[in-house]
Amino acid sequence: GPRAVGKSTIGRSVARQLDLDFIDLDEAVLDRFEQPTVSEVWKTHGESVWRDMECSVLHELLDASPVVLALGGGVPTIPPAAGDLNRARRAGAAVVIWLQADPVELASRLEASPGDRPSLTGKTPAEEIAEVCRARASSYEAVSDLVIDVGSMDPKQAMTAVLDAIN
């Protein structure tokens, strides 16, 4: 799902409930660089280098032990990553859940806590979120097994919804 939907927060809770490790792909990718933030990596190396590393790390993680993995919002839009996700789904090695929320709710969350992610459009995060959600919807749909609207849920409700959906 998009920025601010709760992928990391919900993912950590789901992992605890399933007694699995949790990995935030953004954090795992950032660990491969010397810069302290995603914005700095993009500034130093460019978006394409970041995206290539996302694909590489995702590929490694999909071949590893079972984990709960929070993808970066752009990952499903990268053809090699989407291919890896779909291969894992077809093999029964992954369940991909698209977490959704209304862009107005996401904008509100981003205004309160913009985070360290660089702008994709040159606009503020709150201004760009609806545009990014629309642009990525078909990519998200193409790799998802399940879609859960978590916009009106608190984190515990969202965790329960995810666990119910995968059971």
Protein backbone atom coordinates (compact mmCIF):
# COMPACT_ATOMS: atom_id res chain seq x y z
CA GLY A 1 0.00 0.00 0.00
CA PRO A 2 0.90 3.67 -0.08
CA ARG A 3 2.83 5.76 2.38
CA ALA A 4 1.19 6.27 5.77
CA VAL A 5 -1.27 3.39 5.39
CA GLY A 6 0.33 1.53 8.29
CA LYS A 7 2.31 -1.22 6.57
CA SER A 8 5.11 -1.23 9.14
CA THR A 9 2.92 -0.75 12.21
CA ILE A 10 0.43 -3.43 11.16
CA GLY A 11 3.16 -5.73 9.87
CA ARG A 12 5.02 -5.69 13.19
CA SER A 13 1.82 -6.60 15.06
CA VAL A 14 0.94 -9.38 12.62
CA ALA A 15 4.47 -10.79 12.88
CA ARG A 16 4.25 -10.88 16.69
CA GLN A 17 0.93 -12.71 16.51
CA LEU A 18 2.29 -15.25 14.01
CA ASP A 19 5.61 -15.60 15.88
CA LEU A 20 7.53 -14.57 12.75
CA ASP A 21 10.25 -12.03 12.16
CA PHE A 22 9.20 -8.68 10.74
CA ILE A 23 11.22 -6.92 8.05
CA ASP A 24 10.56 -3.44 6.73
CA LEU A 25 11.96 -3.54 3.19
CA ASP A 26 12.81 0.17 3.29
CA GLU A 27 14.95 -0.40 6.39
CA ALA A 28 16.59 -3.50 4.89
CA VAL A 29 17.44 -1.56 1.72
CA LEU A 30 18.66 1.48 3.64
CA ASP A 31 21.06 -0.79 5.54
CA ARG A 32 22.84 -1.43 2.21
CA PHE A 33 23.81 2.23 1.88
CA GLU A 34 26.01 4.55 3.94
CA GLN A 35 23.45 7.35 4.03
CA PRO A 36 21.20 7.62 7.11
CA THR A 37 17.90 8.29 5.28
CA VAL A 38 16.08 7.30 2.12
CA SER A 39 16.09 10.95 1.04
CA GLU A 40 19.88 11.05 1.34
CA VAL A 41 20.24 7.84 -0.67
CA TRP A 42 18.05 9.27 -3.42
CA LYS A 43 20.02 12.53 -3.37
CA THR A 44 23.38 10.74 -3.51
CA HIS A 45 22.63 7.77 -5.76
CA GLY A 46 19.29 8.52 -7.41
CA GLU A 47 15.93 6.80 -7.37
CA SER A 48 16.94 4.15 -9.92
CA VAL A 49 19.77 2.86 -7.68
CA TRP A 50 17.33 2.69 -4.75
CA ARG A 51 14.77 0.79 -6.87
CA ASP A 52 17.42 -1.66 -8.11
CA MET A 53 18.46 -2.36 -4.52
CA GLU A 54 14.79 -2.82 -3.52
CA CYS A 55 14.50 -5.52 -6.19
CA SER A 56 17.69 -7.22 -5.08
CA VAL A 57 16.81 -7.26 -1.38
CA LEU A 58 13.22 -8.34 -2.07
CA HIS A 59 14.50 -11.24 -4.18
CA GLU A 60 16.77 -12.35 -1.32
CA LEU A 61 14.00 -12.07 1.27
CA LEU A 62 11.48 -14.02 -0.80
CA ASP A 63 13.96 -16.90 -0.85
CA ALA A 64 14.55 -16.74 2.92
CA SER A 65 12.63 -18.12 5.89
CA PRO A 66 9.01 -17.07 6.32
CA VAL A 67 8.69 -13.47 7.52
CA VAL A 68 6.17 -10.68 7.56
CA LEU A 69 7.51 -8.14 5.11
CA ALA A 70 6.37 -4.53 4.69
CA LEU A 71 7.11 -3.46 1.14
CA GLY A 72 7.97 0.06 0.14
CA GLY A 73 5.02 1.69 -1.59
CA GLY A 74 6.76 1.78 -4.96
CA VAL A 75 7.89 -1.86 -5.02
CA PRO A 76 4.85 -3.27 -6.86
CA THR A 77 5.44 -0.73 -9.66
CA ILE A 78 8.90 -2.15 -10.44
CA PRO A 79 8.50 -4.93 -13.02
CA PRO A 80 11.22 -7.27 -11.67
CA ALA A 81 9.86 -6.90 -8.12
CA ALA A 82 6.28 -7.47 -9.28
CA GLY A 83 7.49 -10.57 -11.12
CA ASP A 84 9.20 -11.91 -8.00
CA LEU A 85 6.10 -11.24 -5.90
CA ASN A 86 3.85 -13.02 -8.39
CA ARG A 87 6.21 -16.00 -8.66
CA ALA A 88 6.23 -16.32 -4.87
CA ARG A 89 2.43 -16.06 -4.77
CA ARG A 90 1.97 -18.73 -7.46
CA ALA A 91 4.38 -21.03 -5.61
CA GLY A 92 2.39 -20.59 -2.38
CA ALA A 93 5.43 -18.96 -0.76
CA ALA A 94 3.81 -15.54 -0.21
CA VAL A 95 0.50 -13.88 0.51
CA VAL A 96 0.49 -10.27 -0.61
CA ILE A 97 -1.98 -7.94 1.08
CA TRP A 98 -2.75 -4.50 -0.30
CA LEU A 99 -3.54 -2.18 2.60
CA GLN A 100 -5.74 0.70 1.47
CA ALA A 101 -7.01 3.91 3.00
CA ASP A 102 -8.74 6.97 1.64
CA PRO A 103 -6.17 9.46 0.28
CA VAL A 104 -7.69 12.18 2.47
CA GLU A 105 -6.92 10.07 5.56
CA LEU A 106 -3.40 9.36 4.26
CA ALA A 107 -2.84 13.07 3.59
CA SER A 108 -3.87 13.86 7.15
CA ARG A 109 -1.41 11.29 8.49
CA LEU A 110 1.38 12.63 6.25
CA GLU A 111 0.75 16.20 7.34
CA ALA A 112 1.09 15.08 10.96
CA SER A 113 4.19 12.99 10.29
CA PRO A 114 5.79 13.45 6.86
CA GLY A 115 8.63 11.00 7.47
CA ASP A 116 11.88 10.86 5.53
CA ARG A 117 10.66 9.78 2.10
CA PRO A 118 11.50 11.98 -0.88
CA SER A 119 8.71 13.50 -2.95
CA LEU A 120 7.75 11.55 -6.05
CA THR A 121 6.06 14.49 -7.75
CA GLY A 122 7.71 17.59 -6.33
CA LYS A 123 4.61 18.30 -4.26
CA THR A 124 4.22 17.98 -0.52
CA PRO A 125 3.45 14.43 0.64
CA ALA A 126 -0.13 15.38 1.47
CA GLU A 127 -0.61 16.96 -1.96
CA GLU A 128 0.82 14.04 -3.89
CA ILE A 129 -0.80 11.09 -2.10
CA ALA A 130 -4.06 10.94 -4.10
CA GLU A 131 -2.13 11.16 -7.37
CA VAL A 132 0.28 8.43 -6.31
CA CYS A 133 -2.55 6.17 -5.10
CA ARG A 134 -4.32 6.47 -8.46
CA ALA A 135 -1.13 5.88 -10.43
CA ARG A 136 -0.16 2.78 -8.46
CA ALA A 137 -3.57 1.12 -8.07
CA SER A 138 -3.24 -1.23 -11.05
CA SER A 139 0.27 -2.28 -9.97
CA TYR A 140 -0.93 -2.99 -6.44
CA GLU A 141 -3.90 -4.96 -7.74
CA ALA A 142 -1.68 -7.03 -10.05
CA VAL A 143 0.41 -8.41 -7.17
CA SER A 144 -2.20 -8.67 -4.40
CA ASP A 145 -4.00 -11.69 -3.06
CA LEU A 146 -6.13 -9.64 -0.66
CA VAL A 147 -7.21 -6.03 -0.28
CA ILE A 148 -8.02 -4.59 3.15
CA ASP A 149 -9.23 -1.05 3.73
CA VAL A 150 -7.62 -0.08 7.03
CA GLY A 151 -8.37 3.64 6.84
CA SER A 152 -10.98 3.74 9.58
CA MET A 153 -9.29 1.09 11.75
CA ASP A 154 -6.94 1.55 14.65
CA PRO A 155 -3.75 -0.58 14.46
CA LYS A 156 -5.19 -3.42 16.55
CA GLN A 157 -8.32 -3.63 14.38
CA ALA A 158 -6.16 -3.60 11.26
CA MET A 159 -3.97 -6.39 12.64
CA THR A 160 -7.06 -8.46 13.40
CA ALA A 161 -8.42 -7.83 9.90
CA VAL A 162 -5.16 -9.02 8.36
CA LEU A 163 -5.01 -12.14 10.53
CA ASP A 164 -8.66 -12.94 9.79
CA ALA A 165 -8.06 -12.50 6.06
CA ILE A 166 -5.06 -14.83 5.92
CA ASN A 167 -6.77 -17.47 8.03
